[in-house]
Amino acid sequence: MFLQALSIGVVNGALYILTALGLTLIYGILHIVNFAHGELYMLGAMLVYLFFVAFEWPLWAAVPVIVMLSVLAGFAVERSVFRRLRGQWLQLLVATVGVSLIVQSVSWIAFGAQEKTVPSVLEGVLLIGTVRIPIERLAAACIAMLLVALLYLVVYRTRTGLAMRAIEEDEETARMLGVDTDRVAGVSVALGFALAAMGGIFVAPIYSINPGMGLDAILMSFIIIIVGGLGSITGTVLAGLLIGIIQAIGSLTLGAEAAHILVFVAMIAMLVFRPQGLMGRVR
């Protein structure tokens, strides 16, 4: 049973990582705490229902459209909100909360309050010894980790990634050296939004979905980036796996509600004993 819980924790952690990385990317590069991030996760899931179930599109056609819409939303929000309020942290905080409430309210009107389900795409269970892992969850986790690897390549092996890291260190100096900071900021937000939408796409066939599901996603993402270290991609990956394992083992031994308590205890302990997180830097 312990190995079963451990395996499910790793799989769930991989899905947590995907959503939290988008939040980490936006904060790490632009130092913006985006409270609307959970709504992109929710929209990813709800649009899967809309295109795949209601419109009966094939999944291979629906997913690229959803990702493209999230990228366009990222560019639009960065240009209309984030860019105009850059450097004004309180105004940005309030603005992202406002965007979150607007998107959620419109989604309740558009999709209704009834829980919705997306049919399973990959049925069956993989049996490894005594450990049983649903194939759908395993496939989603594997694709999520592949996307994490691709994000590493973009951030650490491309000119755009170099520009992102330059802005993170000192935006004014990066601008003086010829970096188009507005373009890089737009790309960063678009990537963050796409990652959040992908997280919603993967969980849509696994859990029931509704327009309020973004709240749990943003809460879990904040816990992960606090434990991992604000702005650290590596820390987010480690923290996501750690939180997933804590939650799964806690559910096995103490029950689901107690597992949530363990996650918050882990976060508070990190804030008290290592405020910069697992891989964060002391500023």
Protein backbone atom coordinates (compact mmCIF):
# COMPACT_ATOMS: atom_id res chain seq x y z
CA MET A 1 0.00 0.00 0.00
CA PHE A 2 2.91 2.33 0.71
CA LEU A 3 4.35 1.74 -2.78
CA GLN A 4 0.88 2.31 -4.27
CA ALA A 5 0.56 5.64 -2.45
CA LEU A 6 4.10 6.61 -3.42
CA SER A 7 3.47 5.94 -7.11
CA ILE A 8 0.19 7.88 -7.12
CA GLY A 9 1.93 10.72 -5.27
CA VAL A 10 4.64 10.95 -7.92
CA VAL A 11 2.06 10.91 -10.73
CA ASN A 12 -0.11 13.57 -9.05
CA GLY A 13 2.99 15.61 -8.27
CA ALA A 14 3.92 15.68 -11.96
CA LEU A 15 0.52 17.17 -12.75
CA TYR A 16 0.86 19.74 -9.94
CA ILE A 17 4.24 20.76 -11.32
CA LEU A 18 2.87 21.66 -14.74
CA THR A 19 0.42 24.21 -13.37
CA ALA A 20 2.81 25.59 -10.74
CA LEU A 21 5.59 26.09 -13.30
CA GLY A 22 3.53 28.64 -15.19
CA LEU A 23 3.10 30.65 -12.00
CA THR A 24 6.81 30.26 -11.22
CA LEU A 25 7.79 31.45 -14.70
CA ILE A 26 5.70 34.62 -14.50
CA TYR A 27 6.87 35.44 -10.97
CA GLY A 28 10.50 34.53 -11.54
CA ILE A 29 10.89 36.69 -14.64
CA LEU A 30 8.42 39.54 -14.12
CA HIS A 31 7.99 39.36 -10.30
CA ILE A 32 4.21 39.33 -10.72
CA VAL A 33 2.02 37.27 -8.38
CA ASN A 34 -0.69 36.21 -10.82
CA PHE A 35 -3.87 35.31 -8.94
CA ALA A 36 -5.64 34.71 -12.26
CA HIS A 37 -3.40 31.71 -12.97
CA GLY A 38 -5.88 29.19 -11.60
CA GLU A 39 -8.54 30.40 -14.01
CA LEU A 40 -6.36 29.45 -16.98
CA TYR A 41 -6.14 25.96 -15.49
CA MET A 42 -9.93 25.93 -15.17
CA LEU A 43 -10.44 27.19 -18.72
CA GLY A 44 -8.13 24.51 -20.07
CA ALA A 45 -10.33 21.84 -18.47
CA MET A 46 -13.64 23.48 -19.41
CA LEU A 47 -12.60 24.01 -23.03
CA VAL A 48 -11.72 20.31 -23.28
CA TYR A 49 -15.31 19.63 -22.25
CA LEU A 50 -16.62 22.20 -24.74
CA PHE A 51 -14.64 21.04 -27.77
CA PHE A 52 -14.27 17.31 -27.03
CA VAL A 53 -17.67 16.56 -25.48
CA ALA A 54 -20.10 19.29 -26.58
CA PHE A 55 -18.71 19.96 -30.09
CA GLU A 56 -17.41 16.38 -30.52
CA TRP A 57 -14.03 17.45 -31.88
CA PRO A 58 -11.24 14.85 -31.81
CA LEU A 59 -8.87 15.45 -28.92
CA TRP A 60 -5.87 15.87 -31.23
CA ALA A 61 -7.64 18.86 -32.81
CA ALA A 62 -9.02 20.35 -29.59
CA VAL A 63 -5.76 20.48 -27.61
CA PRO A 64 -3.75 22.69 -30.06
CA VAL A 65 -6.69 25.11 -30.29
CA ILE A 66 -6.94 25.38 -26.49
CA VAL A 67 -3.18 25.92 -26.16
CA MET A 68 -3.24 28.59 -28.88
CA LEU A 69 -6.15 30.38 -27.18
CA SER A 70 -4.26 30.37 -23.87
CA VAL A 71 -1.14 31.77 -25.57
CA LEU A 72 -3.19 34.57 -27.14
CA ALA A 73 -4.80 35.26 -23.75
CA GLY A 74 -1.32 35.50 -22.22
CA PHE A 75 -0.17 38.08 -24.76
CA ALA A 76 -3.43 40.04 -24.35
CA VAL A 77 -3.28 40.13 -20.53
CA GLU A 78 0.42 41.04 -20.50
CA ARG A 79 -0.10 43.89 -22.95
CA SER A 80 -3.32 45.29 -21.49
CA VAL A 81 -2.73 44.77 -17.75
CA PHE A 82 0.75 43.60 -16.73
CA ARG A 83 2.71 45.96 -18.96
CA ARG A 84 0.75 49.03 -17.90
CA LEU A 85 1.16 48.25 -14.20
CA ARG A 86 4.75 46.95 -14.29
CA GLY A 87 6.54 47.78 -11.03
CA GLN A 88 3.34 48.59 -9.11
CA TRP A 89 3.03 45.39 -7.09
CA LEU A 90 -0.13 46.26 -5.15
CA GLN A 91 -2.01 47.46 -8.22
CA LEU A 92 -0.91 44.34 -10.10
CA LEU A 93 -2.04 42.12 -7.25
CA VAL A 94 -5.50 43.70 -7.20
CA ALA A 95 -5.71 43.62 -11.00
CA THR A 96 -4.94 39.87 -11.18
CA VAL A 97 -7.57 39.18 -8.53
CA GLY A 98 -10.01 41.22 -10.62
CA VAL A 99 -9.15 39.28 -13.78
CA SER A 100 -9.63 36.04 -11.86
CA LEU A 101 -13.08 37.04 -10.61
CA ILE A 102 -14.17 38.25 -14.05
CA VAL A 103 -13.09 35.03 -15.79
CA GLN A 104 -14.65 32.86 -13.10
CA SER A 105 -17.96 34.77 -13.14
CA VAL A 106 -18.21 34.60 -16.94
CA SER A 107 -17.40 30.88 -16.79
CA TRP A 108 -20.18 30.20 -14.26
CA ILE A 109 -22.60 31.94 -16.63
CA ALA A 110 -21.28 30.21 -19.76
CA PHE A 111 -20.83 26.66 -18.43
CA GLY A 112 -23.30 26.54 -15.54
CA ALA A 113 -22.89 25.29 -11.99
CA GLN A 114 -23.36 21.59 -12.69
CA GLU A 115 -20.31 19.35 -12.38
CA LYS A 116 -19.12 18.09 -15.77
CA THR A 117 -17.13 15.04 -16.77
CA VAL A 118 -14.92 14.30 -19.76
CA PRO A 119 -14.84 10.68 -20.98
CA SER A 120 -11.65 8.75 -20.31
CA VAL A 121 -9.25 8.78 -23.26
CA LEU A 122 -6.93 5.98 -22.14
CA GLU A 123 -8.63 3.27 -20.13
CA GLY A 124 -7.03 0.50 -18.17
CA VAL A 125 -4.53 0.06 -15.36
CA LEU A 126 -0.79 -0.65 -15.50
CA LEU A 127 0.19 -3.36 -13.02
CA ILE A 128 3.78 -3.29 -11.73
CA GLY A 129 4.12 -5.95 -9.06
CA THR A 130 1.48 -5.00 -6.52
CA VAL A 131 1.27 -1.38 -7.69
CA ARG A 132 -1.67 -0.38 -9.88
CA ILE A 133 -1.41 2.91 -11.81
CA PRO A 134 -4.23 4.17 -14.06
CA ILE A 135 -2.80 4.43 -17.58
CA GLU A 136 -4.48 7.79 -18.16
CA ARG A 137 -2.82 9.38 -15.13
CA LEU A 138 0.53 7.84 -16.00
CA ALA A 139 0.38 9.10 -19.59
CA ALA A 140 -0.62 12.60 -18.41
CA ALA A 141 2.26 12.64 -15.90
CA CYS A 142 4.78 11.51 -18.54
CA ILE A 143 3.65 14.18 -21.01
CA ALA A 144 3.74 16.76 -18.19
CA MET A 145 7.35 15.90 -17.38
CA LEU A 146 8.24 16.07 -21.08
CA LEU A 147 6.80 19.58 -21.17
CA VAL A 148 8.86 20.44 -18.08
CA ALA A 149 11.99 19.25 -19.90
CA LEU A 150 11.08 21.37 -22.93
CA LEU A 151 10.64 24.39 -20.65
CA TYR A 152 14.14 23.80 -19.26
CA LEU A 153 15.49 23.80 -22.81
CA VAL A 154 13.69 27.04 -23.65
CA VAL A 155 14.84 28.85 -20.50
CA TYR A 156 18.44 27.59 -20.37
CA ARG A 157 19.34 26.77 -23.98
CA THR A 158 17.77 29.48 -26.17
CA ARG A 159 18.35 33.17 -26.77
CA THR A 160 14.83 33.91 -25.56
CA GLY A 161 15.57 32.03 -22.35
CA LEU A 162 18.79 33.99 -21.93
CA ALA A 163 16.79 37.21 -22.31
CA MET A 164 14.28 35.96 -19.72
CA ARG A 165 17.04 35.30 -17.21
CA ALA A 166 18.60 38.69 -17.96
CA ILE A 167 15.29 40.43 -17.19
CA GLU A 168 14.98 38.41 -13.99
CA GLU A 169 18.39 39.65 -12.81
CA ASP A 170 18.05 43.31 -13.82
CA GLU A 171 15.40 44.49 -16.26
CA GLU A 172 16.88 47.97 -16.72
CA THR A 173 20.34 46.64 -17.54
CA ALA A 174 18.85 44.07 -19.91
CA ARG A 175 17.00 46.87 -21.73
CA MET A 176 20.22 48.89 -22.02
CA LEU A 177 21.93 45.85 -23.57
CA GLY A 178 19.32 45.70 -26.31
CA VAL A 179 16.86 43.14 -24.93
CA ASP A 180 13.28 43.76 -26.07
CA THR A 181 11.83 43.46 -22.58
CA ASP A 182 8.23 43.92 -23.68
CA ARG A 183 8.45 41.06 -26.17
CA VAL A 184 10.17 38.76 -23.67
CA ALA A 185 7.58 39.62 -21.01
CA GLY A 186 4.79 38.76 -23.43
CA VAL A 187 6.41 35.42 -24.30
CA SER A 188 6.89 34.62 -20.60
CA VAL A 189 3.25 35.27 -19.70
CA ALA A 190 2.04 33.38 -22.79
CA LEU A 191 4.17 30.36 -21.82
CA GLY A 192 2.90 30.54 -18.24
CA PHE A 193 -0.72 30.66 -19.38
CA ALA A 194 -0.15 27.74 -21.80
CA LEU A 195 1.34 25.60 -19.02
CA ALA A 196 -1.64 26.32 -16.76
CA ALA A 197 -4.09 25.43 -19.55
CA MET A 198 -2.19 22.20 -20.23
CA GLY A 199 -2.56 21.29 -16.56
CA GLY A 200 -6.32 21.71 -16.88
CA ILE A 201 -6.38 19.68 -20.10
CA PHE A 202 -4.68 16.73 -18.40
CA VAL A 203 -6.95 16.62 -15.34
CA ALA A 204 -10.22 17.04 -17.27
CA PRO A 205 -10.64 13.29 -17.99
CA ILE A 206 -9.48 12.35 -14.48
CA TYR A 207 -11.68 14.49 -12.19
CA SER A 208 -15.09 16.13 -12.46
CA ILE A 209 -14.73 19.78 -13.45
CA ASN A 210 -16.53 23.07 -12.79
CA PRO A 211 -15.78 26.81 -13.11
CA GLY A 212 -14.68 26.99 -9.47
CA MET A 213 -11.86 24.46 -9.80
CA GLY A 214 -9.23 27.15 -10.35
CA LEU A 215 -9.20 28.03 -6.64
CA ASP A 216 -7.73 24.67 -5.60
CA ALA A 217 -5.21 24.87 -8.44
CA ILE A 218 -3.92 28.34 -7.53
CA LEU A 219 -3.73 27.39 -3.84
CA MET A 220 -1.72 24.24 -4.57
CA SER A 221 0.51 26.15 -6.99
CA PHE A 222 1.31 28.79 -4.36
CA ILE A 223 2.15 26.09 -1.82
CA ILE A 224 4.49 24.42 -4.30
CA ILE A 225 6.35 27.57 -5.32
CA ILE A 226 6.72 28.63 -1.68
CA VAL A 227 8.15 25.25 -0.70
CA GLY A 228 10.31 25.06 -3.82
CA GLY A 229 11.53 28.66 -3.74
CA LEU A 230 9.97 31.64 -5.48
CA GLY A 231 11.06 31.81 -9.10
CA SER A 232 13.03 28.53 -9.08
CA ILE A 233 12.05 26.05 -11.80
CA THR A 234 14.10 23.24 -10.23
CA GLY A 235 12.62 24.00 -6.82
CA THR A 236 9.11 23.88 -8.25
CA VAL A 237 9.75 20.42 -9.73
CA LEU A 238 11.14 19.07 -6.45
CA ALA A 239 8.39 20.66 -4.36
CA GLY A 240 5.64 19.40 -6.67
CA LEU A 241 6.84 15.82 -6.32
CA LEU A 242 7.30 16.25 -2.55
CA ILE A 243 3.80 17.70 -2.04
CA GLY A 244 2.25 15.00 -4.23
CA ILE A 245 3.94 12.27 -2.19
CA ILE A 246 3.04 13.86 1.17
CA GLN A 247 -0.57 14.18 0.09
CA ALA A 248 -0.82 10.59 -1.20
CA ILE A 249 0.86 8.98 1.81
CA GLY A 250 -1.11 11.22 4.18
CA SER A 251 -4.36 10.14 2.52
CA LEU A 252 -3.37 6.49 2.93
CA THR A 253 -2.40 6.72 6.59
CA LEU A 254 -4.55 9.53 8.00
CA GLY A 255 -7.33 10.22 5.50
CA ALA A 256 -7.89 12.83 2.80
CA GLU A 257 -8.65 15.76 5.12
CA ALA A 258 -5.61 15.10 7.29
CA ALA A 259 -3.48 14.96 4.13
CA HIS A 260 -4.39 18.58 3.38
CA ILE A 261 -3.28 19.51 6.90
CA LEU A 262 0.09 17.83 6.31
CA VAL A 263 0.61 19.86 3.13
CA PHE A 264 -0.01 23.13 4.97
CA VAL A 265 2.21 22.03 7.85
CA ALA A 266 5.01 21.39 5.34
CA MET A 267 4.52 24.85 3.83
CA ILE A 268 4.52 26.62 7.21
CA ALA A 269 7.59 24.68 8.36
CA MET A 270 9.40 25.77 5.20
CA LEU A 271 8.43 29.41 5.78
CA VAL A 272 9.72 29.25 9.36
CA PHE A 273 12.95 27.30 8.93
CA ARG A 274 13.92 28.06 5.32
CA PRO A 275 11.97 31.09 4.05
CA GLN A 276 13.71 31.04 0.65
CA GLY A 277 12.41 27.52 -0.06
CA LEU A 278 14.25 24.40 -1.19
CA MET A 279 16.07 26.01 -4.11
CA GLY A 280 15.30 29.70 -3.71
CA ARG A 281 17.90 32.39 -3.20
CA VAL A 282 18.18 34.67 -0.20
CA ARG A 283 17.37 38.18 -1.44
